PDB file of N, CA and C in Angstrom:
ATOM      1  N   PHE A   1       0.804  -1.195   0.000  1.00  0.00           N
ATOM      2  CA  PHE A   1       0.000   0.000   0.000  1.00  0.00           C
ATOM      3  C   PHE A   1       0.847   1.259   0.000  1.00  0.00           C
ATOM      4  N   GLY A   2       2.153   1.127  -0.014  1.00  0.00           N
ATOM      5  CA  GLY A   2       3.013   2.294  -0.006  1.00  0.00           C
ATOM      6  C   GLY A   2       3.022   3.022   1.325  1.00  0.00           C
ATOM      7  N   LYS A   3       2.712   2.323   2.392  1.00  0.00           N
ATOM      8  CA  LYS A   3       2.673   2.918   3.730  1.00  0.00           C
ATOM      9  C   LYS A   3       3.690   2.208   4.616  1.00  0.00           C
ATOM     10  N   PRO A   4       4.190   2.902   5.639  1.00  0.00           N
ATOM     11  CA  PRO A   4       5.135   2.245   6.546  1.00  0.00           C
ATOM     12  C   PRO A   4       4.449   1.148   7.348  1.00  0.00           C
ATOM     13  N   MET A   5       5.229   0.143   7.712  1.00  0.00           N
ATOM     14  CA  MET A   5       4.715  -0.971   8.498  1.00  0.00           C
ATOM     15  C   MET A   5       5.661  -1.196   9.675  1.00  0.00           C
ATOM     16  N   ILE A   6       5.086  -1.385  10.859  1.00  0.00           N
ATOM     17  CA  ILE A   6       5.900  -1.694  12.030  1.00  0.00           C
ATOM     18  C   ILE A   6       5.384  -2.981  12.646  1.00  0.00           C
ATOM     19  N   PHE A   7       6.237  -3.622  13.429  1.00  0.00           N
ATOM     20  CA  PHE A   7       5.886  -4.869  14.090  1.00  0.00           C
ATOM     21  C   PHE A   7       5.900  -4.667  15.595  1.00  0.00           C
ATOM     22  N   ALA A   8       4.954  -5.278  16.261  1.00  0.00           N
ATOM     23  CA  ALA A   8       4.993  -5.345  17.721  1.00  0.00           C
ATOM     24  C   ALA A   8       5.746  -6.620  18.074  1.00  0.00           C
ATOM     25  N   LYS A   9       6.592  -6.539  19.071  1.00  0.00           N
ATOM     26  CA  LYS A   9       7.384  -7.689  19.507  1.00  0.00           C
ATOM     27  C   LYS A   9       6.894  -8.154  20.870  1.00  0.00           C
ATOM     28  N   LYS A  10       7.182  -9.405  21.186  1.00  0.00           N
ATOM     29  CA  LYS A  10       6.837  -9.948  22.500  1.00  0.00           C
ATOM     30  C   LYS A  10       8.063 -10.040  23.394  1.00  0.00           C
ATOM     31  N   ALA A  11       9.203  -9.612  22.879  1.00  0.00           N
ATOM     32  CA  ALA A  11      10.431  -9.598  23.675  1.00  0.00           C
ATOM     33  C   ALA A  11      11.349  -8.532  23.105  1.00  0.00           C
ATOM     34  N   LYS A  12      12.110  -7.876  23.959  1.00  0.00           N
ATOM     35  CA  LYS A  12      13.049  -6.856  23.498  1.00  0.00           C
ATOM     36  C   LYS A  12      14.168  -7.530  22.721  1.00  0.00           C
ATOM     37  N   SER A  13      14.471  -6.963  21.560  1.00  0.00           N
ATOM     38  CA  SER A  13      15.556  -7.506  20.745  1.00  0.00           C
ATOM     39  C   SER A  13      16.568  -6.406  20.461  1.00  0.00           C
ATOM     40  N   ASP A  14      17.671  -6.784  19.859  1.00  0.00           N
ATOM     41  CA  ASP A  14      18.754  -5.839  19.600  1.00  0.00           C
ATOM     42  C   ASP A  14      18.365  -4.721  18.633  1.00  0.00           C
ATOM     43  N   ASN A  15      17.349  -4.957  17.792  1.00  0.00           N
ATOM     44  CA  ASN A  15      16.990  -3.926  16.817  1.00  0.00           C
ATOM     45  C   ASN A  15      15.963  -2.929  17.349  1.00  0.00           C
ATOM     46  N   ILE A  16      15.588  -3.032  18.625  1.00  0.00           N
ATOM     47  CA  ILE A  16      14.719  -2.034  19.245  1.00  0.00           C
ATOM     48  C   ILE A  16      15.572  -1.173  20.153  1.00  0.00           C
ATOM     49  N   GLU A  17      15.661   0.110  19.818  1.00  0.00           N
ATOM     50  CA  GLU A  17      16.478   1.022  20.611  1.00  0.00           C
ATOM     51  C   GLU A  17      15.597   2.116  21.191  1.00  0.00           C
ATOM     52  N   GLY A  18      16.073   2.750  22.233  1.00  0.00           N
ATOM     53  CA  GLY A  18      15.354   3.885  22.803  1.00  0.00           C
ATOM     54  C   GLY A  18      14.122   3.464  23.572  1.00  0.00           C
ATOM     55  N   GLY A  19      13.189   4.408  23.700  1.00  0.00           N
ATOM     56  CA  GLY A  19      11.988   4.174  24.478  1.00  0.00           C
ATOM     57  C   GLY A  19      11.025   3.210  23.810  1.00  0.00           C
ATOM     58  N   LEU A  20      10.178   2.643  24.623  1.00  0.00           N
ATOM     59  CA  LEU A  20       9.220   1.660  24.133  1.00  0.00           C
ATOM     60  C   LEU A  20       7.821   1.977  24.633  1.00  0.00           C
ATOM     61  N   TYR A  21       6.837   1.709  23.795  1.00  0.00           N
ATOM     62  CA  TYR A  21       5.460   1.603  24.259  1.00  0.00           C
ATOM     63  C   TYR A  21       5.278   0.138  24.603  1.00  0.00           C
ATOM     64  N   GLN A  22       4.561  -0.130  25.675  1.00  0.00           N
ATOM     65  CA  GLN A  22       4.342  -1.525  26.020  1.00  0.00           C
ATOM     66  C   GLN A  22       2.957  -1.730  26.605  1.00  0.00           C
ATOM     67  N   SER A  23       2.471  -2.950  26.462  1.00  0.00           N
ATOM     68  CA  SER A  23       1.174  -3.324  27.014  1.00  0.00           C
ATOM     69  C   SER A  23       1.242  -4.785  27.419  1.00  0.00           C
ATOM     70  N   ASP A  24       0.815  -5.063  28.645  1.00  0.00           N
ATOM     71  CA  ASP A  24       0.796  -6.436  29.143  1.00  0.00           C
ATOM     72  C   ASP A  24      -0.514  -7.100  28.737  1.00  0.00           C
ATOM     73  N   ILE A  25      -0.413  -8.315  28.213  1.00  0.00           N
ATOM     74  CA  ILE A  25      -1.582  -9.081  27.796  1.00  0.00           C
ATOM     75  C   ILE A  25      -1.425 -10.515  28.276  1.00  0.00           C
ATOM     76  N   PHE A  26      -2.509 -11.273  28.225  1.00  0.00           N
ATOM     77  CA  PHE A  26      -2.410 -12.701  28.470  1.00  0.00           C
ATOM     78  C   PHE A  26      -2.474 -13.387  27.117  1.00  0.00           C
ATOM     79  N   SER A  27      -1.428 -14.129  26.771  1.00  0.00           N
ATOM     80  CA  SER A  27      -1.341 -14.789  25.475  1.00  0.00           C
ATOM     81  C   SER A  27      -2.072 -16.126  25.509  1.00  0.00           C
ATOM     82  N   TYR A  28      -3.091 -16.251  24.648  1.00  0.00           N
ATOM     83  CA  TYR A  28      -3.813 -17.516  24.512  1.00  0.00           C
ATOM     84  C   TYR A  28      -2.868 -18.593  23.978  1.00  0.00           C
ATOM     85  N   THR A  29      -1.993 -18.210  23.057  1.00  0.00           N
ATOM     86  CA  THR A  29      -1.055 -19.155  22.439  1.00  0.00           C
ATOM     87  C   THR A  29      -0.054 -19.698  23.449  1.00  0.00           C
ATOM     88  N   TYR A  30       0.534 -18.798  24.261  1.00  0.00           N
ATOM     89  CA  TYR A  30       1.587 -19.198  25.197  1.00  0.00           C
ATOM     90  C   TYR A  30       1.066 -19.514  26.599  1.00  0.00           C
ATOM     91  N   LYS A  31      -0.226 -19.227  26.848  1.00  0.00           N
ATOM     92  CA  LYS A  31      -0.854 -19.482  28.161  1.00  0.00           C
ATOM     93  C   LYS A  31      -0.136 -18.793  29.305  1.00  0.00           C
ATOM     94  N   LYS A  32       0.320 -17.562  29.047  1.00  0.00           N
ATOM     95  CA  LYS A  32       0.992 -16.781  30.087  1.00  0.00           C
ATOM     96  C   LYS A  32       0.942 -15.306  29.725  1.00  0.00           C
ATOM     97  N   LYS A  33       1.275 -14.478  30.708  1.00  0.00           N
ATOM     98  CA  LYS A  33       1.340 -13.039  30.476  1.00  0.00           C
ATOM     99  C   LYS A  33       2.567 -12.728  29.624  1.00  0.00           C
ATOM    100  N   VAL A  34       2.374 -11.886  28.629  1.00  0.00           N
ATOM    101  CA  VAL A  34       3.480 -11.399  27.803  1.00  0.00           C
ATOM    102  C   VAL A  34       3.340  -9.891  27.673  1.00  0.00           C
ATOM    103  N   THR A  35       4.419  -9.234  27.305  1.00  0.00           N
ATOM    104  CA  THR A  35       4.412  -7.796  27.107  1.00  0.00           C
ATOM    105  C   THR A  35       4.646  -7.497  25.640  1.00  0.00           C
ATOM    106  N   LEU A  36       3.697  -6.794  25.022  1.00  0.00           N
ATOM    107  CA  LEU A  36       3.880  -6.347  23.643  1.00  0.00           C
ATOM    108  C   LEU A  36       4.700  -5.069  23.657  1.00  0.00           C
ATOM    109  N   LEU A  37       5.630  -4.953  22.723  1.00  0.00           N
ATOM    110  CA  LEU A  37       6.536  -3.811  22.662  1.00  0.00           C
ATOM    111  C   LEU A  37       6.543  -3.194  21.263  1.00  0.00           C
ATOM    112  N   VAL A  38       6.527  -1.866  21.214  1.00  0.00           N
ATOM    113  CA  VAL A  38       6.695  -1.127  19.962  1.00  0.00           C
ATOM    114  C   VAL A  38       7.627   0.035  20.263  1.00  0.00           C
ATOM    115  N   SER A  39       8.612   0.227  19.413  1.00  0.00           N
ATOM    116  CA  SER A  39       9.564   1.317  19.604  1.00  0.00           C
ATOM    117  C   SER A  39       8.883   2.665  19.409  1.00  0.00           C
ATOM    118  N   ARG A  40       9.185   3.607  20.308  1.00  0.00           N
ATOM    119  CA  ARG A  40       8.663   4.974  20.191  1.00  0.00           C
ATOM    120  C   ARG A  40       9.209   5.665  18.945  1.00  0.00           C
ATOM    121  N   GLU A  41      10.282   5.129  18.405  1.00  0.00           N
ATOM    122  CA  GLU A  41      10.884   5.688  17.194  1.00  0.00           C
ATOM    123  C   GLU A  41       9.941   5.556  15.992  1.00  0.00           C
ATOM    124  N   TRP A  42       9.061   4.563  16.009  1.00  0.00           N
ATOM    125  CA  TRP A  42       8.262   4.254  14.829  1.00  0.00           C
ATOM    126  C   TRP A  42       6.784   4.605  14.940  1.00  0.00           C
ATOM    127  N   LEU A  43       6.280   4.929  16.131  1.00  0.00           N
ATOM    128  CA  LEU A  43       4.870   5.225  16.304  1.00  0.00           C
ATOM    129  C   LEU A  43       4.729   6.579  16.987  1.00  0.00           C
ATOM    130  N   HIS A  44       3.984   7.499  16.355  1.00  0.00           N
ATOM    131  CA  HIS A  44       3.929   8.874  16.838  1.00  0.00           C
ATOM    132  C   HIS A  44       2.495   9.379  16.972  1.00  0.00           C
ATOM    133  N   ALA A  45       2.346  10.413  17.788  1.00  0.00           N
ATOM    134  CA  ALA A  45       1.056  11.094  17.916  1.00  0.00           C
ATOM    135  C   ALA A  45       0.626  11.566  16.532  1.00  0.00           C
ATOM    136  N   GLY A  46      -0.646  11.390  16.246  1.00  0.00           N
ATOM    137  CA  GLY A  46      -1.170  11.819  14.950  1.00  0.00           C
ATOM    138  C   GLY A  46      -1.108  10.752  13.869  1.00  0.00           C
ATOM    139  N   ASP A  47      -0.333   9.692  14.069  1.00  0.00           N
ATOM    140  CA  ASP A  47      -0.302   8.603  13.086  1.00  0.00           C
ATOM    141  C   ASP A  47      -1.681   7.953  13.011  1.00  0.00           C
ATOM    142  N   ARG A  48      -2.027   7.474  11.829  1.00  0.00           N
ATOM    143  CA  ARG A  48      -3.263   6.707  11.629  1.00  0.00           C
ATOM    144  C   ARG A  48      -2.834   5.260  11.460  1.00  0.00           C
ATOM    145  N   VAL A  49      -3.383   4.369  12.294  1.00  0.00           N
ATOM    146  CA  VAL A  49      -2.878   3.003  12.393  1.00  0.00           C
ATOM    147  C   VAL A  49      -3.945   1.988  12.009  1.00  0.00           C
ATOM    148  N   LEU A  50      -3.562   1.052  11.145  1.00  0.00           N
ATOM    149  CA  LEU A  50      -4.355  -0.126  10.835  1.00  0.00           C
ATOM    150  C   LEU A  50      -3.586  -1.318  11.395  1.00  0.00           C
ATOM    151  N   VAL A  51      -4.192  -2.019  12.330  1.00  0.00           N
ATOM    152  CA  VAL A  51      -3.577  -3.206  12.925  1.00  0.00           C
ATOM    153  C   VAL A  51      -3.979  -4.412  12.082  1.00  0.00           C
ATOM    154  N   VAL A  52      -3.007  -5.266  11.739  1.00  0.00           N
ATOM    155  CA  VAL A  52      -3.275  -6.458  10.946  1.00  0.00           C
ATOM    156  C   VAL A  52      -2.669  -7.653  11.669  1.00  0.00           C
ATOM    157  N   ASP A  53      -3.460  -8.741  11.760  1.00  0.00           N
ATOM    158  CA  ASP A  53      -2.971  -9.955  12.421  1.00  0.00           C
ATOM    159  C   ASP A  53      -3.523 -11.172  11.690  1.00  0.00           C
ATOM    160  N   ASP A  54      -2.912 -12.322  11.943  1.00  0.00           N
ATOM    161  CA  ASP A  54      -3.351 -13.537  11.265  1.00  0.00           C
ATOM    162  C   ASP A  54      -4.521 -14.207  11.976  1.00  0.00           C
ATOM    163  N   PHE A  55      -4.390 -14.519  13.265  1.00  0.00           N
ATOM    164  CA  PHE A  55      -5.443 -15.187  14.018  1.00  0.00           C
ATOM    165  C   PHE A  55      -5.830 -14.364  15.239  1.00  0.00           C
ATOM    166  N   MET A  56      -7.109 -14.385  15.583  1.00  0.00           N
ATOM    167  CA  MET A  56      -7.566 -13.766  16.819  1.00  0.00           C
ATOM    168  C   MET A  56      -8.379 -14.798  17.589  1.00  0.00           C
ATOM    169  N   ALA A  57      -7.999 -14.982  18.847  1.00  0.00           N
ATOM    170  CA  ALA A  57      -8.748 -15.876  19.730  1.00  0.00           C
ATOM    171  C   ALA A  57      -9.554 -15.030  20.713  1.00  0.00           C
ATOM    172  N   ASN A  58      -8.972 -14.726  21.858  1.00  0.00           N
ATOM    173  CA  ASN A  58      -9.655 -13.929  22.879  1.00  0.00           C
ATOM    174  C   ASN A  58      -9.527 -12.430  22.651  1.00  0.00           C
ATOM    175  N   GLY A  59      -8.704 -12.029  21.698  1.00  0.00           N
ATOM    176  CA  GLY A  59      -8.562 -10.617  21.371  1.00  0.00           C
ATOM    177  C   GLY A  59      -7.573  -9.863  22.250  1.00  0.00           C
ATOM    178  N   GLU A  60      -6.836 -10.577  23.098  1.00  0.00           N
ATOM    179  CA  GLU A  60      -5.902  -9.908  24.006  1.00  0.00           C
ATOM    180  C   GLU A  60      -4.790  -9.182  23.261  1.00  0.00           C
ATOM    181  N   ALA A  61      -4.226  -9.804  22.234  1.00  0.00           N
ATOM    182  CA  ALA A  61      -3.154  -9.141  21.476  1.00  0.00           C
ATOM    183  C   ALA A  61      -3.687  -7.872  20.815  1.00  0.00           C
ATOM    184  N   MET A  62      -4.891  -7.952  20.256  1.00  0.00           N
ATOM    185  CA  MET A  62      -5.486  -6.778  19.628  1.00  0.00           C
ATOM    186  C   MET A  62      -5.758  -5.695  20.674  1.00  0.00           C
ATOM    187  N   ARG A  63      -6.272  -6.092  21.834  1.00  0.00           N
ATOM    188  CA  ARG A  63      -6.531  -5.127  22.908  1.00  0.00           C
ATOM    189  C   ARG A  63      -5.227  -4.440  23.308  1.00  0.00           C
ATOM    190  N   GLY A  64      -4.144  -5.224  23.433  1.00  0.00           N
ATOM    191  CA  GLY A  64      -2.849  -4.652  23.786  1.00  0.00           C
ATOM    192  C   GLY A  64      -2.331  -3.698  22.730  1.00  0.00           C
ATOM    193  N   LEU A  65      -2.537  -4.024  21.456  1.00  0.00           N
ATOM    194  CA  LEU A  65      -2.106  -3.137  20.379  1.00  0.00           C
ATOM    195  C   LEU A  65      -2.934  -1.856  20.358  1.00  0.00           C
ATOM    196  N   CYS A  66      -4.234  -1.971  20.629  1.00  0.00           N
ATOM    197  CA  CYS A  66      -5.080  -0.767  20.739  1.00  0.00           C
ATOM    198  C   CYS A  66      -4.565   0.122  21.866  1.00  0.00           C
ATOM    199  N   ASP A  67      -4.167  -0.486  22.970  1.00  0.00           N
ATOM    200  CA  ASP A  67      -3.623   0.243  24.112  1.00  0.00           C
ATOM    201  C   ASP A  67      -2.344   0.991  23.722  1.00  0.00           C
ATOM    202  N   ILE A  68      -1.471   0.340  22.983  1.00  0.00           N
ATOM    203  CA  ILE A  68      -0.219   0.958  22.546  1.00  0.00           C
ATOM    204  C   ILE A  68      -0.495   2.135  21.607  1.00  0.00           C
ATOM    205  N   VAL A  69      -1.417   1.952  20.676  1.00  0.00           N
ATOM    206  CA  VAL A  69      -1.768   3.032  19.748  1.00  0.00           C
ATOM    207  C   VAL A  69      -2.275   4.240  20.537  1.00  0.00           C
ATOM    208  N   GLU A  70      -3.126   3.987  21.532  1.00  0.00           N
ATOM    209  CA  GLU A  70      -3.656   5.079  22.367  1.00  0.00           C
ATOM    210  C   GLU A  70      -2.548   5.761  23.155  1.00  0.00           C
ATOM    211  N   LYS A  71      -1.632   4.979  23.745  1.00  0.00           N
ATOM    212  CA  LYS A  71      -0.526   5.557  24.515  1.00  0.00           C
ATOM    213  C   LYS A  71       0.340   6.457  23.650  1.00  0.00           C
ATOM    214  N   ALA A  72       0.463   6.113  22.371  1.00  0.00           N
ATOM    215  CA  ALA A  72       1.289   6.908  21.452  1.00  0.00           C
ATOM    216  C   ALA A  72       0.583   8.182  21.008  1.00  0.00           C
ATOM    217  N   GLY A  73      -0.712   8.282  21.273  1.00  0.00           N
ATOM    218  CA  GLY A  73      -1.464   9.434  20.802  1.00  0.00           C
ATOM    219  C   GLY A  73      -1.833   9.318  19.339  1.00  0.00           C
ATOM    220  N   ALA A  74      -1.731   8.095  18.801  1.00  0.00           N
ATOM    221  CA  ALA A  74      -2.085   7.847  17.406  1.00  0.00           C
ATOM    222  C   ALA A  74      -3.574   7.513  17.323  1.00  0.00           C
ATOM    223  N   LYS A  75      -4.092   7.386  16.106  1.00  0.00           N
ATOM    224  CA  LYS A  75      -5.502   7.067  15.907  1.00  0.00           C
ATOM    225  C   LYS A  75      -5.621   5.677  15.294  1.00  0.00           C
ATOM    226  N   LEU A  76      -6.361   4.814  15.966  1.00  0.00           N
ATOM    227  CA  LEU A  76      -6.647   3.486  15.425  1.00  0.00           C
ATOM    228  C   LEU A  76      -7.779   3.632  14.413  1.00  0.00           C
ATOM    229  N   VAL A  77      -7.500   3.325  13.149  1.00  0.00           N
ATOM    230  CA  VAL A  77      -8.546   3.424  12.130  1.00  0.00           C
ATOM    231  C   VAL A  77      -9.239   2.090  11.919  1.00  0.00           C
ATOM    232  N   GLY A  78      -8.615   1.003  12.352  1.00  0.00           N
ATOM    233  CA  GLY A  78      -9.258  -0.291  12.227  1.00  0.00           C
ATOM    234  C   GLY A  78      -8.305  -1.430  12.488  1.00  0.00           C
ATOM    235  N   ILE A  79      -8.911  -2.626  12.510  1.00  0.00           N
ATOM    236  CA  ILE A  79      -8.162  -3.869  12.672  1.00  0.00           C
ATOM    237  C   ILE A  79      -8.606  -4.812  11.561  1.00  0.00           C
ATOM    238  N   GLY A  80      -7.636  -5.424  10.906  1.00  0.00           N
ATOM    239  CA  GLY A  80      -7.904  -6.462   9.916  1.00  0.00           C
ATOM    240  C   GLY A  80      -7.341  -7.770  10.418  1.00  0.00           C
ATOM    241  N   CYS A  81      -8.140  -8.815  10.325  1.00  0.00           N
ATOM    242  CA  CYS A  81      -7.733 -10.124  10.834  1.00  0.00           C
ATOM    243  C   CYS A  81      -8.065 -11.176   9.779  1.00  0.00           C
ATOM    244  N   ALA A  82      -7.159 -12.109   9.562  1.00  0.00           N
ATOM    245  CA  ALA A  82      -7.430 -13.168   8.585  1.00  0.00           C
ATOM    246  C   ALA A  82      -8.487 -14.128   9.121  1.00  0.00           C
ATOM    247  N   VAL A  83      -8.239 -14.735  10.279  1.00  0.00           N
ATOM    248  CA  VAL A  83      -9.164 -15.718  10.840  1.00  0.00           C
ATOM    249  C   VAL A  83      -9.444 -15.368  12.292  1.00  0.00           C
ATOM    250  N   GLU A  84     -10.712 -15.223  12.597  1.00  0.00           N
ATOM    251  CA  GLU A  84     -11.157 -14.922  13.958  1.00  0.00           C
ATOM    252  C   GLU A  84     -11.877 -16.144  14.525  1.00  0.00           C
ATOM    253  N   LYS A  85     -11.498 -16.525  15.719  1.00  0.00           N
ATOM    254  CA  LYS A  85     -12.203 -17.609  16.412  1.00  0.00           C
ATOM    255  C   LYS A  85     -13.386 -16.978  17.147  1.00  0.00           C
ATOM    256  N   GLY A  86     -14.507 -16.849  16.438  1.00  0.00           N
ATOM    257  CA  GLY A  86     -15.669 -16.152  16.961  1.00  0.00           C
ATOM    258  C   GLY A  86     -16.216 -16.753  18.243  1.00  0.00           C
ATOM    259  N   PHE A  87     -16.049 -18.054  18.412  1.00  0.00           N
ATOM    260  CA  PHE A  87     -16.562 -18.737  19.600  1.00  0.00           C
ATOM    261  C   PHE A  87     -15.813 -18.336  20.866  1.00  0.00           C
ATOM    262  N   GLN A  88     -14.688 -17.620  20.738  1.00  0.00           N
ATOM    263  CA  GLN A  88     -13.954 -17.176  21.917  1.00  0.00           C
ATOM    264  C   GLN A  88     -14.281 -15.736  22.296  1.00  0.00           C
ATOM    265  N   GLY A  89     -14.999 -15.029  21.446  1.00  0.00           N
ATOM    266  CA  GLY A  89     -15.570 -13.744  21.821  1.00  0.00           C
ATOM    267  C   GLY A  89     -14.686 -12.518  21.774  1.00  0.00           C
ATOM    268  N   GLY A  90     -13.417 -12.657  21.477  1.00  0.00           N
ATOM    269  CA  GLY A  90     -12.532 -11.494  21.467  1.00  0.00           C
ATOM    270  C   GLY A  90     -12.948 -10.439  20.461  1.00  0.00           C
ATOM    271  N   GLY A  91     -13.282 -10.855  19.250  1.00  0.00           N
ATOM    272  CA  GLY A  91     -13.699  -9.913  18.222  1.00  0.00           C
ATOM    273  C   GLY A  91     -15.002  -9.218  18.572  1.00  0.00           C
ATOM    274  N   ASP A  92     -15.933  -9.981  19.138  1.00  0.00           N
ATOM    275  CA  ASP A  92     -17.215  -9.387  19.525  1.00  0.00           C
ATOM    276  C   ASP A  92     -17.012  -8.323  20.597  1.00  0.00           C
ATOM    277  N   ARG A  93     -16.120  -8.581  21.560  1.00  0.00           N
ATOM    278  CA  ARG A  93     -15.852  -7.586  22.615  1.00  0.00           C
ATOM    279  C   ARG A  93     -15.238  -6.316  22.027  1.00  0.00           C
ATOM    280  N   LEU A  94     -14.326  -6.471  21.078  1.00  0.00           N
ATOM    281  CA  LEU A  94     -13.712  -5.298  20.451  1.00  0.00           C
ATOM    282  C   LEU A  94     -14.746  -4.504  19.657  1.00  0.00           C
ATOM    283  N   ARG A  95     -15.601  -5.179  18.919  1.00  0.00           N
ATOM    284  CA  ARG A  95     -16.640  -4.484  18.155  1.00  0.00           C
ATOM    285  C   ARG A  95     -17.582  -3.738  19.098  1.00  0.00           C
ATOM    286  N   GLU A  96     -17.965  -4.380  20.210  1.00  0.00           N
ATOM    287  CA  GLU A  96     -18.846  -3.734  21.189  1.00  0.00           C
ATOM    288  C   GLU A  96     -18.194  -2.489  21.790  1.00  0.00           C
ATOM    289  N   ALA A  97     -16.853  -2.475  21.837  1.00  0.00           N
ATOM    290  CA  ALA A  97     -16.117  -1.322  22.357  1.00  0.00           C
ATOM    291  C   ALA A  97     -15.947  -0.233  21.292  1.00  0.00           C
ATOM    292  N   GLY A  98     -16.478  -0.466  20.093  1.00  0.00           N
ATOM    293  CA  GLY A  98     -16.428   0.542  19.044  1.00  0.00           C
ATOM    294  C   GLY A  98     -15.263   0.417  18.078  1.00  0.00           C
ATOM    295  N   VAL A  99     -14.506  -0.670  18.158  1.00  0.00           N
ATOM    296  CA  VAL A  99     -13.366  -0.867  17.254  1.00  0.00           C
ATOM    297  C   VAL A  99     -13.874  -1.309  15.882  1.00  0.00           C
ATOM    298  N   ASN A 100     -13.341  -0.706  14.834  1.00  0.00           N
ATOM    299  CA  ASN A 100     -13.648  -1.055  13.454  1.00  0.00           C
ATOM    300  C   ASN A 100     -12.841  -2.310  13.101  1.00  0.00           C
ATOM    301  N   LEU A 101     -13.443  -3.487  13.269  1.00  0.00           N
ATOM    302  CA  LEU A 101     -12.759  -4.767  13.085  1.00  0.00           C
ATOM    303  C   LEU A 101     -13.396  -5.540  11.945  1.00  0.00           C
ATOM    304  N   HIS A 102     -12.555  -5.988  11.016  1.00  0.00           N
ATOM    305  CA  HIS A 102     -13.022  -6.816   9.906  1.00  0.00           C
ATOM    306  C   HIS A 102     -12.151  -8.063   9.827  1.00  0.00           C
ATOM    307  N   SER A 103     -12.799  -9.208   9.788  1.00  0.00           N
ATOM    308  CA  SER A 103     -12.099 -10.489   9.659  1.00  0.00           C
ATOM    309  C   SER A 103     -12.496 -11.139   8.347  1.00  0.00           C
ATOM    310  N   LEU A 104     -11.521 -11.768   7.686  1.00  0.00           N
ATOM    311  CA  LEU A 104     -11.831 -12.451   6.428  1.00  0.00           C
ATOM    312  C   LEU A 104     -12.721 -13.662   6.668  1.00  0.00           C
ATOM    313  N   ALA A 105     -12.494 -14.352   7.783  1.00  0.00           N
ATOM    314  CA  ALA A 105     -13.312 -15.516   8.132  1.00  0.00           C
ATOM    315  C   ALA A 105     -13.484 -15.539   9.644  1.00  0.00           C
ATOM    316  N   ILE A 106     -14.711 -15.862  10.080  1.00  0.00           N
ATOM    317  CA  ILE A 106     -14.989 -15.989  11.507  1.00  0.00           C
ATOM    318  C   ILE A 106     -15.498 -17.406  11.747  1.00  0.00           C
ATOM    319  N   ILE A 107     -14.746 -18.159  12.536  1.00  0.00           N
ATOM    320  CA  ILE A 107     -15.152 -19.519  12.872  1.00  0.00           C
ATOM    321  C   ILE A 107     -16.127 -19.450  14.040  1.00  0.00           C
ATOM    322  N   GLU A 108     -17.344 -19.900  13.814  1.00  0.00           N
ATOM    323  CA  GLU A 108     -18.366 -19.877  14.858  1.00  0.00           C
ATOM    324  C   GLU A 108     -18.190 -21.060  15.815  1.00  0.00           C
ATOM    325  N   ARG A 109     -17.879 -22.220  15.250  1.00  0.00           N
ATOM    326  CA  ARG A 109     -17.554 -23.373  16.100  1.00  0.00           C
ATOM    327  C   ARG A 109     -16.699 -24.355  15.307  1.00  0.00           C
ATOM    328  N   ALA A 110     -15.878 -25.059  16.054  1.00  0.00           N
ATOM    329  CA  ALA A 110     -14.999 -26.065  15.459  1.00  0.00           C
ATOM    330  C   ALA A 110     -15.142 -27.349  16.258  1.00  0.00           C
ATOM    331  N   GLU A 111     -15.433 -28.406  15.543  1.00  0.00           N
ATOM    332  CA  GLU A 111     -15.577 -29.724  16.144  1.00  0.00           C
ATOM    333  C   GLU A 111     -14.745 -30.681  15.318  1.00  0.00           C
ATOM    334  N   PRO A 112     -14.423 -31.836  15.846  1.00  0.00           N
ATOM    335  CA  PRO A 112     -13.657 -32.801  15.042  1.00  0.00           C
ATOM    336  C   PRO A 112     -14.346 -33.069  13.699  1.00  0.00           C
ATOM    337  N   GLY A 113     -13.634 -32.766  12.631  1.00  0.00           N
ATOM    338  CA  GLY A 113     -14.139 -33.002  11.286  1.00  0.00           C
ATOM    339  C   GLY A 113     -15.099 -31.948  10.757  1.00  0.00           C
ATOM    340  N   SER A 114     -15.309 -30.848  11.513  1.00  0.00           N
ATOM    341  CA  SER A 114     -16.276 -29.846  11.071  1.00  0.00           C
ATOM    342  C   SER A 114     -15.904 -28.455  11.574  1.00  0.00           C
ATOM    343  N   ILE A 115     -15.912 -27.509  10.654  1.00  0.00           N
ATOM    344  CA  ILE A 115     -15.725 -26.101  11.016  1.00  0.00           C
ATOM    345  C   ILE A 115     -16.947 -25.358  10.469  1.00  0.00           C
ATOM    346  N   VAL A 116     -17.595 -24.597  11.340  1.00  0.00           N
ATOM    347  CA  VAL A 116     -18.757 -23.810  10.955  1.00  0.00           C
ATOM    348  C   VAL A 116     -18.379 -22.344  10.988  1.00  0.00           C
ATOM    349  N   PHE A 117     -18.556 -21.659   9.856  1.00  0.00           N
ATOM    350  CA  PHE A 117     -18.226 -20.247   9.757  1.00  0.00           C
ATOM    351  C   PHE A 117     -19.446 -19.399  10.063  1.00  0.00           C
ATOM    352  N   ARG A 118     -19.222 -18.241  10.641  1.00  0.00           N
ATOM    353  CA  ARG A 118     -20.302 -17.300  10.965  1.00  0.00           C
ATOM    354  C   ARG A 118     -20.857 -16.741   9.660  1.00  0.00           C
ATOM    355  N   GLU A 119     -22.176 -16.673   9.600  1.00  0.00           N
ATOM    356  CA  GLU A 119     -22.839 -16.031   8.463  1.00  0.00           C
ATOM    357  C   GLU A 119     -22.749 -14.528   8.651  1.00  0.00           C
ATOM    358  N   GLU A 120     -22.693 -13.793   7.576  1.00  0.00           N
ATOM    359  CA  GLU A 120     -22.619 -12.337   7.686  1.00  0.00           C
ATOM    360  C   GLU A 120     -23.940 -11.729   8.031  1.00  0.00           C
TER     361      GLU A 120
END
């Protein structure tokens, strides 16, 4: 899209210098508290931010990223997600909070041998 892209990290690495925005979340994947980090060098007040992720379960990572965007004084314009596990409710909670969230696919329920997608 010809726009800058930044990554949130779950651990400080050598390529992150200076101050950090951070948000503590509970990771569904790792089953523990993790801290999301974004360098202050790359996110500024007035920036317009689109958050993009592959999978959403409980929505904790998205909530943490929304928190970081707010701390930076930037504007969250929306969230794009490839696959949302709708049965875990994270996306529904974000939408109820007023977040502009669009998922390519929302799994309503998953059972052995069957995946049911949410109807639009």
